Amino acid sequence: MDSIRSAVLATTLALLVSLPVSADVLLMDSIESAPAVQTPRTGLSMANVRASYGDPVTEHPAVSTSGNPDHPPITRWDYQSFSVFFERDKVVHSVVHRSDAN
């Protein structure tokens, strides 16, 4: 019984090793190559962001799913070089816009 199990295992491993292998390559811009952009830190209020960075270029309306407290409204403000995402009135994330030069 052990010899059959060993033979099946050896055959399976031989088949797996002989199969072609492929992988995807993810290319990302280096953060060091991008100029530093100061963005609002997590937890700041909308009022603090507006006071520190001025009025956004675009204020997108809040998006929510049925007003459920488990799904709070998310708002996005777009500035010239970054976007800020708010949960209710607090910053949850800031994203630097990608340069078109690349």
Protein backbone atom coordinates (compact mmCIF):
# COMPACT_ATOMS: atom_id res chain seq x y z
CA MET A 1 0.00 0.00 0.00
CA ASP A 2 2.84 2.40 0.85
CA SER A 3 4.55 1.66 -2.47
CA ILE A 4 1.36 2.53 -4.39
CA ARG A 5 0.96 5.75 -2.44
CA SER A 6 4.63 6.63 -3.08
CA ALA A 7 4.24 5.90 -6.79
CA VAL A 8 1.11 8.10 -7.06
CA LEU A 9 2.84 10.89 -5.17
CA ALA A 10 5.93 10.67 -7.35
CA THR A 11 3.83 10.68 -10.54
CA THR A 12 1.80 13.67 -9.34
CA LEU A 13 4.93 15.64 -8.46
CA ALA A 14 6.53 14.79 -11.81
CA LEU A 15 3.44 16.04 -13.64
CA LEU A 16 3.29 19.25 -11.61
CA VAL A 17 6.97 20.01 -12.19
CA SER A 18 6.63 19.45 -15.94
CA LEU A 19 3.68 21.84 -16.38
CA PRO A 20 4.41 25.33 -17.72
CA VAL A 21 4.50 28.06 -15.12
CA SER A 22 3.34 31.64 -15.60
CA ALA A 23 3.06 34.73 -13.46
CA ASP A 24 1.86 38.30 -13.78
CA VAL A 25 4.18 41.23 -13.26
CA LEU A 26 2.78 44.25 -11.48
CA LEU A 27 4.54 47.46 -12.44
CA MET A 28 4.23 50.29 -9.95
CA ASP A 29 5.66 53.77 -9.96
CA SER A 30 8.25 54.31 -7.31
CA ILE A 31 7.11 56.58 -4.51
CA GLU A 32 10.62 58.00 -4.26
CA SER A 33 10.37 59.26 -7.85
CA ALA A 34 7.22 61.27 -7.20
CA PRO A 35 7.48 64.71 -5.62
CA ALA A 36 6.20 64.85 -2.06
CA VAL A 37 2.61 66.06 -1.79
CA GLN A 38 1.28 66.96 1.63
CA THR A 39 -2.15 65.40 2.14
CA PRO A 40 -4.54 65.57 5.09
CA ARG A 41 -3.88 62.96 7.76
CA THR A 42 -6.44 60.41 8.87
CA GLY A 43 -8.92 61.67 11.45
CA LEU A 44 -8.97 65.36 10.49
CA SER A 45 -12.43 66.89 10.19
CA MET A 46 -13.80 68.42 7.00
CA ALA A 47 -13.53 71.85 8.63
CA ASN A 48 -9.84 71.29 9.46
CA VAL A 49 -9.11 70.12 5.90
CA ARG A 50 -10.88 73.14 4.42
CA ALA A 51 -9.02 75.47 6.81
CA SER A 52 -5.63 73.92 6.00
CA TYR A 53 -5.98 73.22 2.26
CA GLY A 54 -8.68 75.65 1.14
CA ASP A 55 -11.77 74.83 -0.90
CA PRO A 56 -11.54 71.69 -3.03
CA VAL A 57 -11.77 71.89 -6.81
CA THR A 58 -14.68 69.41 -6.69
CA GLU A 59 -16.87 68.28 -3.79
CA HIS A 60 -18.60 65.02 -4.68
CA PRO A 61 -21.90 64.29 -2.93
CA ALA A 62 -21.87 61.73 -0.12
CA VAL A 63 -22.51 58.13 -1.11
CA SER A 64 -24.27 55.81 1.32
CA THR A 65 -26.23 52.60 1.23
CA SER A 66 -29.66 53.22 2.75
CA GLY A 67 -28.44 55.29 5.71
CA ASN A 68 -27.49 52.14 7.62
CA PRO A 69 -25.08 53.02 10.49
CA ASP A 70 -22.93 50.04 9.42
CA HIS A 71 -22.47 51.80 6.05
CA PRO A 72 -21.69 55.45 6.84
CA PRO A 73 -21.71 58.08 4.10
CA ILE A 74 -18.46 58.45 2.16
CA THR A 75 -17.60 61.81 0.61
CA ARG A 76 -14.76 62.68 -1.78
CA TRP A 77 -13.12 66.05 -2.21
CA ASP A 78 -10.79 66.54 -5.16
CA TYR A 79 -7.91 69.01 -4.92
CA GLN A 80 -5.44 69.84 -7.70
CA SER A 81 -2.94 67.08 -6.83
CA PHE A 82 -4.82 64.75 -4.45
CA SER A 83 -8.25 63.51 -3.38
CA VAL A 84 -9.52 63.16 0.19
CA PHE A 85 -12.07 60.56 1.29
CA PHE A 86 -14.23 61.20 4.35
CA GLU A 87 -16.34 58.85 6.42
CA ARG A 88 -19.06 61.10 7.79
CA ASP A 89 -16.91 64.21 8.43
CA LYS A 90 -13.51 62.59 9.19
CA VAL A 91 -10.64 61.84 6.78
CA VAL A 92 -10.21 58.11 6.20
CA HIS A 93 -7.81 58.25 3.23
CA SER A 94 -5.97 60.63 0.91
CA VAL A 95 -4.76 59.68 -2.57
CA VAL A 96 -2.12 61.57 -4.57
CA HIS A 97 -3.10 61.88 -8.24
CA ARG A 98 -0.85 60.11 -10.69
CA SER A 99 1.31 62.36 -12.85
CA ASP A 100 0.39 62.35 -16.56
CA ALA A 101 4.08 62.75 -17.44
CA ASN A 102 4.65 58.96 -17.32
